Amino acid sequence: MGAYINKLEAAKVEDDNEAKMLEGRDIAVVIRARPLLQHELDQGHIDVTHAQNPDFHFFENKMDFKGSPSFNSEINKVDHAFGP
C-alpha cells in the first residue's frame, strides 16, 4: 500500500484534468432523489430534497423547544444531481 501511495504522490501534476486521470482519482459523486410515491403523498408526506445540479438540497422541518416551527437546510455539492 505504501508503494501505491508513493506512486500517486510522485505523479502529482498541476493540471486538474491530468490529476483526475490518475488511478484512484477518477470518481464522480452522483446523487438522485426519487419523487414521492402516491401512497406517501396520500399520507401527507412532503418532499425534503431538491436537486439543482451541481447542488443537492436537504430540508428538515422540526419544532424547537418552545414549540415553534424551525427549518434547517443543508446544501451539498456533488458532480451530478438529479431528481425533483
N, C-alpha and C. Protein backbone atom coordinates (compact mmCIF):
# COMPACT_ATOMS: atom_id res chain seq x y z
N MET A 1 0.82 -1.19 0.00
CA MET A 1 0.00 0.00 0.00
C MET A 1 0.86 1.25 0.00
N GLY A 2 1.95 1.23 0.75
CA GLY A 2 2.84 2.39 0.82
C GLY A 2 3.45 2.72 -0.54
N ALA A 3 3.79 1.69 -1.31
CA ALA A 3 4.35 1.93 -2.64
C ALA A 3 3.33 2.60 -3.55
N TYR A 4 2.07 2.20 -3.42
CA TYR A 4 1.00 2.79 -4.23
C TYR A 4 0.83 4.27 -3.89
N ILE A 5 0.85 4.60 -2.60
CA ILE A 5 0.71 5.99 -2.17
C ILE A 5 1.90 6.81 -2.64
N ASN A 6 3.08 6.25 -2.54
CA ASN A 6 4.28 6.95 -3.03
C ASN A 6 4.19 7.20 -4.52
N LYS A 7 3.65 6.24 -5.25
CA LYS A 7 3.50 6.39 -6.70
C LYS A 7 2.55 7.54 -7.01
N LEU A 8 1.44 7.63 -6.29
CA LEU A 8 0.49 8.72 -6.51
C LEU A 8 1.09 10.07 -6.15
N GLU A 9 1.79 10.13 -5.03
CA GLU A 9 2.40 11.39 -4.62
C GLU A 9 3.47 11.83 -5.61
N ALA A 10 4.21 10.90 -6.16
CA ALA A 10 5.25 11.23 -7.13
C ALA A 10 4.65 11.71 -8.45
N ALA A 11 3.41 11.30 -8.73
CA ALA A 11 2.78 11.63 -10.00
C ALA A 11 1.91 12.87 -9.93
N LYS A 12 2.07 13.70 -8.88
CA LYS A 12 1.26 14.91 -8.74
C LYS A 12 1.50 15.83 -9.93
N VAL A 13 0.42 16.36 -10.45
CA VAL A 13 0.50 17.30 -11.56
C VAL A 13 -0.34 18.51 -11.22
N GLU A 14 -0.02 19.62 -11.85
CA GLU A 14 -0.75 20.86 -11.59
C GLU A 14 -2.04 20.95 -12.40
N ASP A 15 -2.09 20.34 -13.56
CA ASP A 15 -3.26 20.39 -14.41
C ASP A 15 -4.37 19.51 -13.82
N ASP A 16 -5.54 20.08 -13.53
CA ASP A 16 -6.63 19.35 -12.88
C ASP A 16 -7.12 18.20 -13.74
N ASN A 17 -7.20 18.36 -15.07
CA ASN A 17 -7.67 17.28 -15.93
C ASN A 17 -6.74 16.08 -15.88
N GLU A 18 -5.45 16.34 -15.84
CA GLU A 18 -4.50 15.24 -15.74
C GLU A 18 -4.58 14.57 -14.38
N ALA A 19 -4.82 15.35 -13.34
CA ALA A 19 -4.90 14.80 -11.99
C ALA A 19 -6.09 13.85 -11.87
N LYS A 20 -7.19 14.19 -12.54
CA LYS A 20 -8.38 13.34 -12.47
C LYS A 20 -8.15 11.99 -13.14
N MET A 21 -7.20 11.92 -14.06
CA MET A 21 -6.96 10.69 -14.79
C MET A 21 -6.04 9.74 -14.03
N LEU A 22 -5.39 10.22 -12.97
CA LEU A 22 -4.53 9.34 -12.19
C LEU A 22 -5.37 8.26 -11.53
N GLU A 23 -4.81 7.11 -11.40
CA GLU A 23 -5.52 6.00 -10.80
C GLU A 23 -5.95 6.36 -9.38
N GLY A 24 -7.21 6.07 -9.07
CA GLY A 24 -7.73 6.36 -7.74
C GLY A 24 -8.35 7.73 -7.61
N ARG A 25 -8.29 8.55 -8.64
CA ARG A 25 -8.83 9.90 -8.57
C ARG A 25 -9.89 10.15 -9.63
N ASP A 26 -10.48 9.13 -10.16
CA ASP A 26 -11.46 9.31 -11.23
C ASP A 26 -12.86 8.92 -10.78
N ILE A 27 -13.26 9.35 -9.60
CA ILE A 27 -14.56 9.02 -9.04
C ILE A 27 -15.47 10.23 -9.17
N ALA A 28 -16.67 10.00 -9.66
CA ALA A 28 -17.69 11.05 -9.74
C ALA A 28 -18.75 10.77 -8.68
N VAL A 29 -19.17 11.81 -7.99
CA VAL A 29 -20.24 11.67 -7.00
C VAL A 29 -21.54 12.09 -7.66
N VAL A 30 -22.47 11.13 -7.74
CA VAL A 30 -23.76 11.35 -8.38
C VAL A 30 -24.84 11.01 -7.38
N ILE A 31 -25.84 11.88 -7.26
CA ILE A 31 -26.93 11.63 -6.31
C ILE A 31 -28.26 11.86 -7.02
N ARG A 32 -29.24 11.02 -6.69
CA ARG A 32 -30.57 11.12 -7.29
C ARG A 32 -31.62 11.03 -6.21
N ALA A 33 -32.56 11.94 -6.26
CA ALA A 33 -33.71 11.89 -5.34
C ALA A 33 -34.91 11.38 -6.12
N ARG A 34 -35.62 10.46 -5.53
CA ARG A 34 -36.80 9.96 -6.21
C ARG A 34 -38.01 10.82 -5.83
N PRO A 35 -38.98 10.93 -6.71
CA PRO A 35 -40.21 11.64 -6.34
C PRO A 35 -40.98 10.83 -5.31
N LEU A 36 -41.83 11.51 -4.56
CA LEU A 36 -42.66 10.80 -3.58
C LEU A 36 -43.62 9.86 -4.29
N LEU A 37 -43.84 8.71 -3.68
CA LEU A 37 -44.79 7.74 -4.23
C LEU A 37 -46.22 8.19 -3.89
N GLN A 38 -47.19 7.67 -4.62
CA GLN A 38 -48.57 8.11 -4.43
C GLN A 38 -49.05 7.87 -3.00
N HIS A 39 -48.72 6.72 -2.42
CA HIS A 39 -49.18 6.45 -1.05
C HIS A 39 -48.52 7.40 -0.04
N GLU A 40 -47.32 7.88 -0.34
CA GLU A 40 -46.67 8.86 0.53
C GLU A 40 -47.37 10.21 0.44
N LEU A 41 -47.75 10.59 -0.78
CA LEU A 41 -48.50 11.83 -0.96
C LEU A 41 -49.85 11.75 -0.28
N ASP A 42 -50.53 10.60 -0.39
CA ASP A 42 -51.84 10.40 0.24
C ASP A 42 -51.76 10.52 1.76
N GLN A 43 -50.61 10.14 2.34
CA GLN A 43 -50.42 10.21 3.78
C GLN A 43 -49.94 11.58 4.25
N GLY A 44 -49.75 12.52 3.31
CA GLY A 44 -49.35 13.87 3.67
C GLY A 44 -47.86 14.10 3.81
N HIS A 45 -47.07 13.19 3.31
CA HIS A 45 -45.61 13.37 3.37
C HIS A 45 -45.23 14.53 2.46
N ILE A 46 -44.13 15.18 2.79
CA ILE A 46 -43.63 16.27 1.95
C ILE A 46 -42.23 15.92 1.45
N ASP A 47 -41.90 16.48 0.31
CA ASP A 47 -40.58 16.24 -0.29
C ASP A 47 -39.56 17.09 0.46
N VAL A 48 -38.48 16.46 0.92
CA VAL A 48 -37.47 17.17 1.70
C VAL A 48 -36.13 17.26 0.97
N THR A 49 -36.14 16.97 -0.32
CA THR A 49 -34.92 17.07 -1.11
C THR A 49 -35.21 17.85 -2.39
N HIS A 50 -34.18 18.47 -2.92
CA HIS A 50 -34.29 19.18 -4.18
C HIS A 50 -32.94 19.13 -4.87
N ALA A 51 -32.94 18.71 -6.12
CA ALA A 51 -31.70 18.65 -6.90
C ALA A 51 -31.65 19.83 -7.85
N GLN A 52 -30.58 20.58 -7.77
CA GLN A 52 -30.32 21.68 -8.70
C GLN A 52 -28.84 21.59 -9.04
N ASN A 53 -28.54 20.84 -10.09
CA ASN A 53 -27.17 20.47 -10.44
C ASN A 53 -26.24 21.67 -10.40
N PRO A 54 -25.13 21.65 -9.71
CA PRO A 54 -24.48 20.56 -9.01
C PRO A 54 -24.78 20.52 -7.51
N ASP A 55 -25.83 21.23 -7.07
CA ASP A 55 -26.16 21.26 -5.65
C ASP A 55 -27.30 20.30 -5.35
N PHE A 56 -27.25 19.72 -4.15
CA PHE A 56 -28.33 18.87 -3.68
C PHE A 56 -28.76 19.40 -2.33
N HIS A 57 -30.03 19.79 -2.21
CA HIS A 57 -30.55 20.43 -1.02
C HIS A 57 -31.33 19.43 -0.17
N PHE A 58 -31.07 19.43 1.13
CA PHE A 58 -31.83 18.64 2.09
C PHE A 58 -32.53 19.63 3.04
N PHE A 59 -33.82 19.43 3.26
CA PHE A 59 -34.59 20.29 4.14
C PHE A 59 -35.12 19.50 5.31
N GLU A 60 -35.16 20.13 6.47
CA GLU A 60 -35.67 19.47 7.67
C GLU A 60 -36.58 20.44 8.42
N ASN A 61 -37.84 20.05 8.59
CA ASN A 61 -38.79 20.82 9.39
C ASN A 61 -38.88 20.17 10.76
N LYS A 62 -38.82 21.00 11.80
CA LYS A 62 -38.95 20.45 13.15
C LYS A 62 -39.44 21.54 14.08
N MET A 63 -39.72 21.16 15.30
CA MET A 63 -40.18 22.10 16.31
C MET A 63 -39.04 22.36 17.30
N ASP A 64 -38.87 23.63 17.69
CA ASP A 64 -37.85 23.92 18.70
C ASP A 64 -38.42 23.66 20.10
N PHE A 65 -37.65 23.91 21.11
CA PHE A 65 -38.06 23.56 22.47
C PHE A 65 -39.26 24.38 22.96
N LYS A 66 -39.55 25.51 22.32
CA LYS A 66 -40.71 26.34 22.69
C LYS A 66 -41.97 25.92 21.92
N GLY A 67 -41.83 24.96 21.03
CA GLY A 67 -42.96 24.53 20.22
C GLY A 67 -43.13 25.31 18.93
N SER A 68 -42.18 26.19 18.64
CA SER A 68 -42.22 26.96 17.41
C SER A 68 -41.58 26.16 16.28
N PRO A 69 -42.15 26.28 15.08
CA PRO A 69 -41.54 25.54 13.97
C PRO A 69 -40.18 26.14 13.60
N SER A 70 -39.26 25.29 13.25
CA SER A 70 -37.96 25.74 12.76
C SER A 70 -37.64 24.97 11.49
N PHE A 71 -36.76 25.53 10.72
CA PHE A 71 -36.44 24.98 9.40
C PHE A 71 -34.93 24.95 9.24
N ASN A 72 -34.39 23.81 8.92
CA ASN A 72 -32.96 23.66 8.64
C ASN A 72 -32.79 23.22 7.20
N SER A 73 -31.74 23.71 6.58
CA SER A 73 -31.43 23.24 5.22
C SER A 73 -29.94 22.98 5.13
N GLU A 74 -29.60 22.05 4.28
CA GLU A 74 -28.21 21.67 4.06
C GLU A 74 -28.00 21.54 2.55
N ILE A 75 -26.94 22.14 2.06
CA ILE A 75 -26.62 22.08 0.64
C ILE A 75 -25.32 21.32 0.47
N ASN A 76 -25.34 20.31 -0.39
CA ASN A 76 -24.15 19.51 -0.68
C ASN A 76 -23.81 19.66 -2.15
N LYS A 77 -22.55 19.90 -2.43
CA LYS A 77 -22.09 19.98 -3.82
C LYS A 77 -21.64 18.59 -4.26
N VAL A 78 -22.14 18.18 -5.41
CA VAL A 78 -21.77 16.88 -5.99
C VAL A 78 -21.44 17.11 -7.46
N ASP A 79 -20.97 16.07 -8.13
CA ASP A 79 -20.66 16.20 -9.55
C ASP A 79 -21.93 16.28 -10.40
N HIS A 80 -22.92 15.45 -10.07
CA HIS A 80 -24.19 15.44 -10.80
C HIS A 80 -25.32 15.19 -9.81
N ALA A 81 -26.38 15.99 -9.89
CA ALA A 81 -27.55 15.82 -9.03
C ALA A 81 -28.79 15.73 -9.90
N PHE A 82 -29.63 14.74 -9.63
CA PHE A 82 -30.84 14.51 -10.41
C PHE A 82 -32.02 14.36 -9.48
N GLY A 83 -33.18 14.71 -9.95
CA GLY A 83 -34.38 14.48 -9.17
C GLY A 83 -35.28 15.67 -9.11
N PRO A 84 -36.35 15.55 -8.34
CA PRO A 84 -37.32 16.65 -8.25
C PRO A 84 -36.74 17.82 -7.46
